[in-house]
N, C-alpha and C. Protein backbone atom coordinates (compact mmCIF):
# COMPACT_ATOMS: atom_id res chain seq x y z
N MET A 1 30.46 18.65 35.08
CA MET A 1 31.80 18.50 35.64
C MET A 1 31.85 18.80 37.14
N PRO A 2 31.08 19.73 37.66
CA PRO A 2 31.13 19.98 39.10
C PRO A 2 30.82 18.75 39.94
N LYS A 3 30.02 17.82 39.41
CA LYS A 3 29.69 16.63 40.17
C LYS A 3 30.91 15.75 40.42
N LEU A 4 31.92 15.82 39.55
CA LEU A 4 33.13 15.03 39.75
C LEU A 4 33.86 15.42 41.03
N LYS A 5 33.74 16.67 41.43
CA LYS A 5 34.41 17.12 42.65
C LYS A 5 33.83 16.41 43.88
N GLU A 6 32.60 15.95 43.76
CA GLU A 6 31.95 15.29 44.88
C GLU A 6 32.22 13.79 44.90
N ILE A 7 32.79 13.26 43.81
CA ILE A 7 33.03 11.82 43.69
C ILE A 7 34.52 11.55 43.85
N ASP A 8 34.85 10.47 44.53
CA ASP A 8 36.25 10.08 44.69
C ASP A 8 36.69 9.35 43.44
N VAL A 9 37.47 10.02 42.59
CA VAL A 9 37.97 9.45 41.34
C VAL A 9 39.46 9.22 41.51
N ASN A 10 39.91 8.00 41.26
CA ASN A 10 41.33 7.74 41.44
C ASN A 10 42.09 7.85 40.12
N TYR A 11 43.40 7.81 40.20
CA TYR A 11 44.26 7.97 39.05
C TYR A 11 43.98 6.93 37.97
N GLU A 12 43.80 5.69 38.35
CA GLU A 12 43.56 4.62 37.37
C GLU A 12 42.29 4.87 36.57
N GLN A 13 41.25 5.37 37.21
CA GLN A 13 40.01 5.67 36.50
C GLN A 13 40.22 6.80 35.50
N ILE A 14 40.95 7.82 35.91
CA ILE A 14 41.22 8.94 35.01
C ILE A 14 42.07 8.46 33.83
N LYS A 15 43.09 7.65 34.12
CA LYS A 15 43.96 7.14 33.07
C LYS A 15 43.15 6.33 32.05
N GLU A 16 42.25 5.49 32.51
CA GLU A 16 41.44 4.69 31.61
C GLU A 16 40.54 5.56 30.74
N LEU A 17 39.99 6.62 31.32
CA LEU A 17 39.15 7.54 30.55
C LEU A 17 39.97 8.26 29.47
N VAL A 18 41.17 8.69 29.83
CA VAL A 18 42.02 9.39 28.88
C VAL A 18 42.46 8.45 27.76
N TYR A 19 42.77 7.20 28.09
CA TYR A 19 43.16 6.22 27.07
C TYR A 19 42.06 6.02 26.03
N GLN A 20 40.82 6.22 26.41
CA GLN A 20 39.71 6.03 25.49
C GLN A 20 39.53 7.19 24.52
N LEU A 21 40.18 8.31 24.79
CA LEU A 21 40.04 9.48 23.92
C LEU A 21 40.79 9.27 22.61
N ALA A 22 40.29 9.89 21.57
CA ALA A 22 41.00 9.89 20.29
C ALA A 22 42.29 10.69 20.46
N PHE A 23 43.28 10.41 19.64
CA PHE A 23 44.59 11.05 19.76
C PHE A 23 44.48 12.58 19.77
N GLU A 24 43.68 13.14 18.89
CA GLU A 24 43.53 14.60 18.82
C GLU A 24 42.95 15.16 20.12
N LYS A 25 42.03 14.42 20.72
CA LYS A 25 41.43 14.86 21.98
C LYS A 25 42.45 14.79 23.12
N LYS A 26 43.31 13.77 23.10
CA LYS A 26 44.38 13.69 24.10
C LYS A 26 45.31 14.88 24.00
N LEU A 27 45.69 15.22 22.78
CA LEU A 27 46.57 16.37 22.58
C LEU A 27 45.90 17.67 23.03
N ALA A 28 44.63 17.81 22.73
CA ALA A 28 43.89 19.00 23.14
C ALA A 28 43.84 19.09 24.68
N LEU A 29 43.64 17.97 25.33
CA LEU A 29 43.61 17.94 26.80
C LEU A 29 44.96 18.33 27.38
N ILE A 30 46.02 17.74 26.83
CA ILE A 30 47.38 18.06 27.29
C ILE A 30 47.66 19.54 27.09
N ASN A 31 47.32 20.05 25.92
CA ASN A 31 47.56 21.46 25.63
C ASN A 31 46.83 22.36 26.61
N GLU A 32 45.59 22.03 26.91
CA GLU A 32 44.80 22.84 27.84
C GLU A 32 45.42 22.80 29.24
N LEU A 33 45.88 21.63 29.66
CA LEU A 33 46.48 21.50 30.98
C LEU A 33 47.77 22.30 31.12
N VAL A 34 48.64 22.21 30.13
CA VAL A 34 49.92 22.89 30.24
C VAL A 34 49.81 24.40 30.05
N MET A 35 48.72 24.85 29.44
CA MET A 35 48.53 26.30 29.28
C MET A 35 48.00 26.94 30.56
N ASP A 36 47.52 26.14 31.48
CA ASP A 36 47.01 26.62 32.76
C ASP A 36 48.18 27.16 33.59
N ARG A 37 48.07 28.38 34.04
CA ARG A 37 49.16 29.02 34.79
C ARG A 37 49.52 28.25 36.06
N SER A 38 48.54 27.73 36.76
CA SER A 38 48.83 27.00 37.99
C SER A 38 49.62 25.73 37.71
N TYR A 39 49.39 25.12 36.52
CA TYR A 39 50.15 23.93 36.15
C TYR A 39 51.63 24.27 36.05
N LYS A 40 51.94 25.37 35.40
CA LYS A 40 53.34 25.79 35.24
C LYS A 40 53.98 26.04 36.59
N GLU A 41 53.26 26.75 37.45
CA GLU A 41 53.81 27.05 38.78
C GLU A 41 54.05 25.76 39.57
N LYS A 42 53.10 24.86 39.53
CA LYS A 42 53.25 23.60 40.26
C LYS A 42 54.35 22.75 39.65
N PHE A 43 54.49 22.75 38.32
CA PHE A 43 55.54 21.99 37.65
C PHE A 43 56.91 22.50 38.07
N TYR A 44 57.10 23.82 38.07
CA TYR A 44 58.39 24.37 38.46
C TYR A 44 58.67 24.11 39.94
N ARG A 45 57.66 24.20 40.78
CA ARG A 45 57.84 23.89 42.20
C ARG A 45 58.24 22.43 42.39
N TYR A 46 57.61 21.56 41.65
CA TYR A 46 57.92 20.13 41.73
C TYR A 46 59.35 19.86 41.29
N THR A 47 59.75 20.44 40.16
CA THR A 47 61.12 20.20 39.68
C THR A 47 62.15 20.78 40.63
N GLU A 48 61.85 21.93 41.23
CA GLU A 48 62.78 22.50 42.22
C GLU A 48 62.89 21.59 43.43
N SER A 49 61.80 20.96 43.82
CA SER A 49 61.86 20.05 44.97
C SER A 49 62.70 18.82 44.64
N LEU A 50 62.67 18.38 43.36
CA LEU A 50 63.51 17.25 42.96
C LEU A 50 64.99 17.62 43.02
N LEU A 51 65.32 18.86 42.64
CA LEU A 51 66.70 19.32 42.74
C LEU A 51 67.21 19.22 44.17
N THR A 52 66.39 19.67 45.09
CA THR A 52 66.75 19.63 46.50
C THR A 52 66.80 18.20 47.02
N LYS A 53 65.78 17.42 46.70
CA LYS A 53 65.68 16.05 47.20
C LYS A 53 66.87 15.19 46.77
N TYR A 54 67.27 15.33 45.51
CA TYR A 54 68.35 14.49 44.98
C TYR A 54 69.69 15.21 44.90
N ASN A 55 69.74 16.42 45.46
CA ASN A 55 70.97 17.21 45.51
C ASN A 55 71.59 17.37 44.11
N ILE A 56 70.78 17.74 43.16
CA ILE A 56 71.24 17.95 41.78
C ILE A 56 71.77 19.37 41.67
N PRO A 57 73.00 19.54 41.19
CA PRO A 57 73.56 20.89 41.08
C PRO A 57 72.91 21.68 39.95
N GLY A 58 72.98 23.01 40.06
CA GLY A 58 72.48 23.86 38.99
C GLY A 58 73.36 23.68 37.76
N MET A 59 72.76 23.70 36.59
CA MET A 59 73.50 23.50 35.35
C MET A 59 73.08 24.53 34.32
N ASN A 60 74.03 24.92 33.48
CA ASN A 60 73.65 25.78 32.36
C ASN A 60 73.08 24.89 31.25
N GLU A 61 72.67 25.51 30.17
CA GLU A 61 71.96 24.76 29.12
C GLU A 61 72.82 23.64 28.51
N SER A 62 74.09 23.91 28.24
CA SER A 62 74.94 22.89 27.61
C SER A 62 75.23 21.75 28.59
N GLN A 63 75.43 22.08 29.87
CA GLN A 63 75.66 21.02 30.88
C GLN A 63 74.42 20.16 31.02
N LEU A 64 73.26 20.79 31.05
CA LEU A 64 72.01 20.06 31.17
C LEU A 64 71.79 19.16 29.95
N ASP A 65 72.09 19.68 28.77
CA ASP A 65 71.94 18.90 27.54
C ASP A 65 72.83 17.67 27.60
N GLY A 66 74.09 17.84 28.04
CA GLY A 66 75.00 16.70 28.17
C GLY A 66 74.51 15.70 29.20
N PHE A 67 73.98 16.20 30.31
CA PHE A 67 73.47 15.34 31.37
C PHE A 67 72.29 14.51 30.90
N LEU A 68 71.36 15.16 30.18
CA LEU A 68 70.16 14.47 29.73
C LEU A 68 70.43 13.47 28.62
N HIS A 69 71.49 13.68 27.86
CA HIS A 69 71.76 12.81 26.72
C HIS A 69 72.88 11.80 27.00
N SER A 70 73.32 11.73 28.23
CA SER A 70 74.37 10.76 28.55
C SER A 70 73.78 9.45 29.03
């Protein structure tokens, strides 16, 4: 795996490799990624930047539920 850091791998190549995985392996990969602490931090930072970028107001759980299901 360290050799991959030296190679320029683009998103399409990664996507094609993931598509070739069996369903259980895809789920295992997703699970491993989301359990990574840095993933959570980056995800929350990204969503906060979307709030600012699109000027989305803060919402409580019921308001958010209504917003997402409308």
